Amino acid sequence: ACGNCTQVCPTCFCSSTREHVNPVGLGV
């Protein structure tokens, strides 16, 4: 379940999203 196959596959398209917070500028 390492995910190597999905990383090298030219068609896999799964993704996730994250919020990166800038604690100085208070932007996200």
PDB file of all heavy atoms in Angstrom:
ATOM      1  N   ALA A   1       0.831  -1.215   0.000  1.00  0.00           N
ATOM      2  CA  ALA A   1       0.000   0.000   0.000  1.00  0.00           C
ATOM      3  C   ALA A   1       0.862   1.260   0.000  1.00  0.00           C
ATOM      4  O   ALA A   1       0.504   2.281   0.592  1.00  0.00           O
ATOM      5  CB  ALA A   1      -0.959   0.006   1.193  1.00  0.00           C
ATOM      6  N   CYS A   2       2.016   1.188  -0.680  1.00  0.00           N
ATOM      7  CA  CYS A   2       2.950   2.324  -0.700  1.00  0.00           C
ATOM      8  C   CYS A   2       2.512   3.429  -1.646  1.00  0.00           C
ATOM      9  O   CYS A   2       2.941   4.578  -1.517  1.00  0.00           O
ATOM     10  CB  CYS A   2       4.347   1.834  -1.083  1.00  0.00           C
ATOM     11  SG  CYS A   2       4.470   1.182  -2.763  1.00  0.00           S
ATOM     12  N   GLY A   3       1.683   3.089  -2.636  1.00  0.00           N
ATOM     13  CA  GLY A   3       1.221   4.085  -3.598  1.00  0.00           C
ATOM     14  C   GLY A   3       2.166   4.344  -4.747  1.00  0.00           C
ATOM     15  O   GLY A   3       1.920   5.244  -5.553  1.00  0.00           O
ATOM     16  N   ASN A   4       3.255   3.572  -4.853  1.00  0.00           N
ATOM     17  CA  ASN A   4       4.180   3.776  -5.971  1.00  0.00           C
ATOM     18  C   ASN A   4       3.467   3.688  -7.314  1.00  0.00           C
ATOM     19  O   ASN A   4       3.730   4.473  -8.222  1.00  0.00           O
ATOM     20  CB  ASN A   4       5.303   2.734  -5.931  1.00  0.00           C
ATOM     21  CG  ASN A   4       6.521   3.219  -5.184  1.00  0.00           C
ATOM     22  OD1 ASN A   4       6.439   4.160  -4.415  1.00  0.00           O
ATOM     23  ND2 ASN A   4       7.646   2.570  -5.406  1.00  0.00           N
ATOM     24  N   CYS A   5       2.568   2.709  -7.450  1.00  0.00           N
ATOM     25  CA  CYS A   5       1.895   2.509  -8.734  1.00  0.00           C
ATOM     26  C   CYS A   5       1.091   3.733  -9.135  1.00  0.00           C
ATOM     27  O   CYS A   5       1.051   4.115 -10.311  1.00  0.00           O
ATOM     28  CB  CYS A   5       1.016   1.262  -8.687  1.00  0.00           C
ATOM     29  SG  CYS A   5      -0.135   1.210  -7.295  1.00  0.00           S
ATOM     30  N   THR A   6       0.452   4.376  -8.164  1.00  0.00           N
ATOM     31  CA  THR A   6      -0.355   5.553  -8.488  1.00  0.00           C
ATOM     32  C   THR A   6       0.517   6.772  -8.783  1.00  0.00           C
ATOM     33  O   THR A   6       0.118   7.644  -9.562  1.00  0.00           O
ATOM     34  CB  THR A   6      -1.333   5.880  -7.350  1.00  0.00           C
ATOM     35  OG1 THR A   6      -0.601   6.172  -6.162  1.00  0.00           O
ATOM     36  CG2 THR A   6      -2.268   4.723  -7.076  1.00  0.00           C
ATOM     37  N   GLN A   7       1.695   6.845  -8.166  1.00  0.00           N
ATOM     38  CA  GLN A   7       2.578   7.983  -8.400  1.00  0.00           C
ATOM     39  C   GLN A   7       3.202   7.948  -9.795  1.00  0.00           C
ATOM     40  O   GLN A   7       3.420   8.994 -10.414  1.00  0.00           O
ATOM     41  CB  GLN A   7       3.683   8.021  -7.338  1.00  0.00           C
ATOM     42  CG  GLN A   7       3.182   8.256  -5.929  1.00  0.00           C
ATOM     43  CD  GLN A   7       2.438   9.566  -5.779  1.00  0.00           C
ATOM     44  OE1 GLN A   7       3.002  10.642  -5.970  1.00  0.00           O
ATOM     45  NE2 GLN A   7       1.158   9.498  -5.431  1.00  0.00           N
ATOM     46  N   VAL A   8       3.523   6.747 -10.300  1.00  0.00           N
ATOM     47  CA  VAL A   8       4.149   6.649 -11.621  1.00  0.00           C
ATOM     48  C   VAL A   8       3.128   6.451 -12.734  1.00  0.00           C
ATOM     49  O   VAL A   8       3.482   6.531 -13.916  1.00  0.00           O
ATOM     50  CB  VAL A   8       5.192   5.502 -11.666  1.00  0.00           C
ATOM     51  CG1 VAL A   8       6.300   5.750 -10.665  1.00  0.00           C
ATOM     52  CG2 VAL A   8       4.543   4.139 -11.440  1.00  0.00           C
ATOM     53  N   CYS A   9       1.871   6.211 -12.380  1.00  0.00           N
ATOM     54  CA  CYS A   9       0.843   6.014 -13.400  1.00  0.00           C
ATOM     55  C   CYS A   9       0.577   7.326 -14.133  1.00  0.00           C
ATOM     56  O   CYS A   9       0.399   8.368 -13.509  1.00  0.00           O
ATOM     57  CB  CYS A   9      -0.451   5.515 -12.753  1.00  0.00           C
ATOM     58  SG  CYS A   9      -1.806   5.324 -13.946  1.00  0.00           S
ATOM     59  N   PRO A  10       0.518   7.310 -15.461  1.00  0.00           N
ATOM     60  CA  PRO A  10       0.304   8.554 -16.217  1.00  0.00           C
ATOM     61  C   PRO A  10      -1.143   9.017 -16.247  1.00  0.00           C
ATOM     62  O   PRO A  10      -1.429  10.092 -16.777  1.00  0.00           O
ATOM     63  CB  PRO A  10       0.791   8.194 -17.618  1.00  0.00           C
ATOM     64  CG  PRO A  10       0.506   6.729 -17.740  1.00  0.00           C
ATOM     65  CD  PRO A  10       0.770   6.159 -16.366  1.00  0.00           C
ATOM     66  N   THR A  11      -2.072   8.210 -15.700  1.00  0.00           N
ATOM     67  CA  THR A  11      -3.478   8.603 -15.762  1.00  0.00           C
ATOM     68  C   THR A  11      -4.117   8.821 -14.398  1.00  0.00           C
ATOM     69  O   THR A  11      -5.165   9.463 -14.315  1.00  0.00           O
ATOM     70  CB  THR A  11      -4.320   7.548 -16.519  1.00  0.00           C
ATOM     71  OG1 THR A  11      -4.293   6.312 -15.793  1.00  0.00           O
ATOM     72  CG2 THR A  11      -3.787   7.326 -17.921  1.00  0.00           C
ATOM     73  N   CYS A  12      -3.543   8.311 -13.312  1.00  0.00           N
ATOM     74  CA  CYS A  12      -4.146   8.497 -11.985  1.00  0.00           C
ATOM     75  C   CYS A  12      -4.302   9.985 -11.684  1.00  0.00           C
ATOM     76  O   CYS A  12      -3.400  10.780 -11.963  1.00  0.00           O
ATOM     77  CB  CYS A  12      -3.277   7.840 -10.908  1.00  0.00           C
ATOM     78  SG  CYS A  12      -3.561   6.061 -10.724  1.00  0.00           S
ATOM     79  N   PHE A  13      -5.424  10.339 -11.080  1.00  0.00           N
ATOM     80  CA  PHE A  13      -5.693  11.763 -10.877  1.00  0.00           C
ATOM     81  C   PHE A  13      -6.215  12.087  -9.473  1.00  0.00           C
ATOM     82  O   PHE A  13      -6.682  13.200  -9.222  1.00  0.00           O
ATOM     83  CB  PHE A  13      -6.700  12.272 -11.918  1.00  0.00           C
ATOM     84  CG  PHE A  13      -8.043  11.575 -11.866  1.00  0.00           C
ATOM     85  CD1 PHE A  13      -9.062  12.044 -11.050  1.00  0.00           C
ATOM     86  CD2 PHE A  13      -8.283  10.455 -12.642  1.00  0.00           C
ATOM     87  CE1 PHE A  13     -10.295  11.411 -11.008  1.00  0.00           C
ATOM     88  CE2 PHE A  13      -9.506   9.804 -12.609  1.00  0.00           C
ATOM     89  CZ  PHE A  13     -10.520  10.285 -11.785  1.00  0.00           C
ATOM     90  N   CYS A  14      -6.126  11.153  -8.533  1.00  0.00           N
ATOM     91  CA  CYS A  14      -6.608  11.436  -7.180  1.00  0.00           C
ATOM     92  C   CYS A  14      -5.822  12.598  -6.578  1.00  0.00           C
ATOM     93  O   CYS A  14      -4.612  12.716  -6.762  1.00  0.00           O
ATOM     94  CB  CYS A  14      -6.451  10.209  -6.283  1.00  0.00           C
ATOM     95  SG  CYS A  14      -7.693   8.931  -6.595  1.00  0.00           S
ATOM     96  N   SER A  15      -6.528  13.433  -5.837  1.00  0.00           N
ATOM     97  CA  SER A  15      -5.883  14.566  -5.187  1.00  0.00           C
ATOM     98  C   SER A  15      -6.580  14.866  -3.880  1.00  0.00           C
ATOM     99  O   SER A  15      -7.685  14.382  -3.606  1.00  0.00           O
ATOM    100  CB  SER A  15      -5.905  15.807  -6.093  1.00  0.00           C
ATOM    101  OG  SER A  15      -7.246  16.236  -6.305  1.00  0.00           O
ATOM    102  N   SER A  16      -5.933  15.662  -3.058  1.00  0.00           N
ATOM    103  CA  SER A  16      -6.530  16.166  -1.826  1.00  0.00           C
ATOM    104  C   SER A  16      -6.188  17.644  -1.717  1.00  0.00           C
ATOM    105  O   SER A  16      -5.326  18.147  -2.446  1.00  0.00           O
ATOM    106  CB  SER A  16      -6.011  15.400  -0.600  1.00  0.00           C
ATOM    107  OG  SER A  16      -4.616  15.574  -0.469  1.00  0.00           O
ATOM    108  N   THR A  17      -6.854  18.339  -0.831  1.00  0.00           N
ATOM    109  CA  THR A  17      -6.599  19.770  -0.657  1.00  0.00           C
ATOM    110  C   THR A  17      -6.242  20.063   0.794  1.00  0.00           C
ATOM    111  O   THR A  17      -6.665  19.363   1.718  1.00  0.00           O
ATOM    112  CB  THR A  17      -7.817  20.611  -1.065  1.00  0.00           C
ATOM    113  OG1 THR A  17      -8.958  20.212  -0.292  1.00  0.00           O
ATOM    114  CG2 THR A  17      -8.116  20.443  -2.543  1.00  0.00           C
ATOM    115  N   ARG A  18      -5.426  21.080   0.962  1.00  0.00           N
ATOM    116  CA  ARG A  18      -4.997  21.517   2.281  1.00  0.00           C
ATOM    117  C   ARG A  18      -5.004  23.047   2.309  1.00  0.00           C
ATOM    118  O   ARG A  18      -4.833  23.705   1.286  1.00  0.00           O
ATOM    119  CB  ARG A  18      -3.578  21.025   2.606  1.00  0.00           C
ATOM    120  CG  ARG A  18      -3.396  19.521   2.612  1.00  0.00           C
ATOM    121  CD  ARG A  18      -4.009  18.874   3.841  1.00  0.00           C
ATOM    122  NE  ARG A  18      -3.629  17.468   3.935  1.00  0.00           N
ATOM    123  CZ  ARG A  18      -4.260  16.482   3.309  1.00  0.00           C
ATOM    124  NH1 ARG A  18      -5.281  16.752   2.504  1.00  0.00           N
ATOM    125  NH2 ARG A  18      -3.878  15.227   3.467  1.00  0.00           N
ATOM    126  N   GLU A  19      -5.152  23.610   3.490  1.00  0.00           N
ATOM    127  CA  GLU A  19      -5.053  25.047   3.667  1.00  0.00           C
ATOM    128  C   GLU A  19      -3.715  25.365   4.315  1.00  0.00           C
ATOM    129  O   GLU A  19      -3.396  24.827   5.383  1.00  0.00           O
ATOM    130  CB  GLU A  19      -6.182  25.581   4.557  1.00  0.00           C
ATOM    131  CG  GLU A  19      -7.579  25.072   4.208  1.00  0.00           C
ATOM    132  CD  GLU A  19      -7.988  25.382   2.787  1.00  0.00           C
ATOM    133  OE1 GLU A  19      -7.515  26.392   2.243  1.00  0.00           O
ATOM    134  OE2 GLU A  19      -8.771  24.600   2.212  1.00  0.00           O
ATOM    135  N   HIS A  20      -2.903  26.187   3.656  1.00  0.00           N
ATOM    136  CA  HIS A  20      -1.636  26.637   4.221  1.00  0.00           C
ATOM    137  C   HIS A  20      -1.832  28.046   4.776  1.00  0.00           C
ATOM    138  O   HIS A  20      -2.161  28.978   4.041  1.00  0.00           O
ATOM    139  CB  HIS A  20      -0.546  26.637   3.148  1.00  0.00           C
ATOM    140  CG  HIS A  20      -0.109  25.259   2.763  1.00  0.00           C
ATOM    141  ND1 HIS A  20       0.974  25.014   1.943  1.00  0.00           N
ATOM    142  CD2 HIS A  20      -0.594  24.032   3.083  1.00  0.00           C
ATOM    143  CE1 HIS A  20       1.127  23.719   1.779  1.00  0.00           C
ATOM    144  NE2 HIS A  20       0.179  23.102   2.448  1.00  0.00           N
ATOM    145  N   VAL A  21      -1.590  28.168   6.079  1.00  0.00           N
ATOM    146  CA  VAL A  21      -1.828  29.443   6.753  1.00  0.00           C
ATOM    147  C   VAL A  21      -0.517  30.185   6.953  1.00  0.00           C
ATOM    148  O   VAL A  21       0.483  29.593   7.402  1.00  0.00           O
ATOM    149  CB  VAL A  21      -2.509  29.221   8.113  1.00  0.00           C
ATOM    150  CG1 VAL A  21      -2.734  30.556   8.829  1.00  0.00           C
ATOM    151  CG2 VAL A  21      -3.825  28.474   7.941  1.00  0.00           C
ATOM    152  N   ASN A  22      -0.499  31.450   6.585  1.00  0.00           N
ATOM    153  CA  ASN A  22       0.639  32.329   6.844  1.00  0.00           C
ATOM    154  C   ASN A  22       0.371  33.064   8.160  1.00  0.00           C
ATOM    155  O   ASN A  22      -0.451  33.985   8.204  1.00  0.00           O
ATOM    156  CB  ASN A  22       0.806  33.322   5.697  1.00  0.00           C
ATOM    157  CG  ASN A  22       1.984  34.263   5.895  1.00  0.00           C
ATOM    158  OD1 ASN A  22       2.554  34.340   6.982  1.00  0.00           O
ATOM    159  ND2 ASN A  22       2.347  34.988   4.851  1.00  0.00           N
ATOM    160  N   PRO A  23       1.053  32.662   9.246  1.00  0.00           N
ATOM    161  CA  PRO A  23       0.737  33.265  10.554  1.00  0.00           C
ATOM    162  C   PRO A  23       1.169  34.722  10.665  1.00  0.00           C
ATOM    163  O   PRO A  23       0.723  35.428  11.565  1.00  0.00           O
ATOM    164  CB  PRO A  23       1.515  32.383  11.535  1.00  0.00           C
ATOM    165  CG  PRO A  23       2.643  31.831  10.728  1.00  0.00           C
ATOM    166  CD  PRO A  23       2.110  31.649   9.347  1.00  0.00           C
ATOM    167  N   VAL A  24       2.024  35.166   9.757  1.00  0.00           N
ATOM    168  CA  VAL A  24       2.484  36.554   9.805  1.00  0.00           C
ATOM    169  C   VAL A  24       1.518  37.454   9.036  1.00  0.00           C
ATOM    170  O   VAL A  24       0.989  38.436   9.558  1.00  0.00           O
ATOM    171  CB  VAL A  24       3.912  36.691   9.242  1.00  0.00           C
ATOM    172  CG1 VAL A  24       4.340  38.154   9.243  1.00  0.00           C
ATOM    173  CG2 VAL A  24       4.890  35.836  10.045  1.00  0.00           C
ATOM    174  N   GLY A  25       1.294  37.090   7.768  1.00  0.00           N
ATOM    175  CA  GLY A  25       0.402  37.911   6.950  1.00  0.00           C
ATOM    176  C   GLY A  25      -1.061  37.578   7.124  1.00  0.00           C
ATOM    177  O   GLY A  25      -1.932  38.237   6.548  1.00  0.00           O
ATOM    178  N   LEU A  26      -1.338  36.503   7.907  1.00  0.00           N
ATOM    179  CA  LEU A  26      -2.711  36.078   8.177  1.00  0.00           C
ATOM    180  C   LEU A  26      -3.469  35.733   6.897  1.00  0.00           C
ATOM    181  O   LEU A  26      -4.692  35.886   6.828  1.00  0.00           O
ATOM    182  CB  LEU A  26      -3.475  37.154   8.977  1.00  0.00           C
ATOM    183  CG  LEU A  26      -2.871  37.511  10.340  1.00  0.00           C
ATOM    184  CD1 LEU A  26      -3.719  38.573  11.018  1.00  0.00           C
ATOM    185  CD2 LEU A  26      -2.722  36.287  11.216  1.00  0.00           C
ATOM    186  N   GLY A  27      -2.746  35.269   5.890  1.00  0.00           N
ATOM    187  CA  GLY A  27      -3.371  34.814   4.659  1.00  0.00           C
ATOM    188  C   GLY A  27      -3.481  33.300   4.648  1.00  0.00           C
ATOM    189  O   GLY A  27      -2.759  32.598   5.352  1.00  0.00           O
ATOM    190  N   VAL A  28      -4.388  32.799   3.862  1.00  0.00           N
ATOM    191  CA  VAL A  28      -4.597  31.357   3.730  1.00  0.00           C
ATOM    192  C   VAL A  28      -4.542  30.986   2.255  1.00  0.00           C
ATOM    193  O   VAL A  28      -5.205  31.633   1.434  1.00  0.00           O
ATOM    194  CB  VAL A  28      -5.952  30.925   4.319  1.00  0.00           C
ATOM    195  CG1 VAL A  28      -6.160  29.429   4.117  1.00  0.00           C
ATOM    196  CG2 VAL A  28      -6.038  31.278   5.793  1.00  0.00           C
TER     197      VAL A  28
END
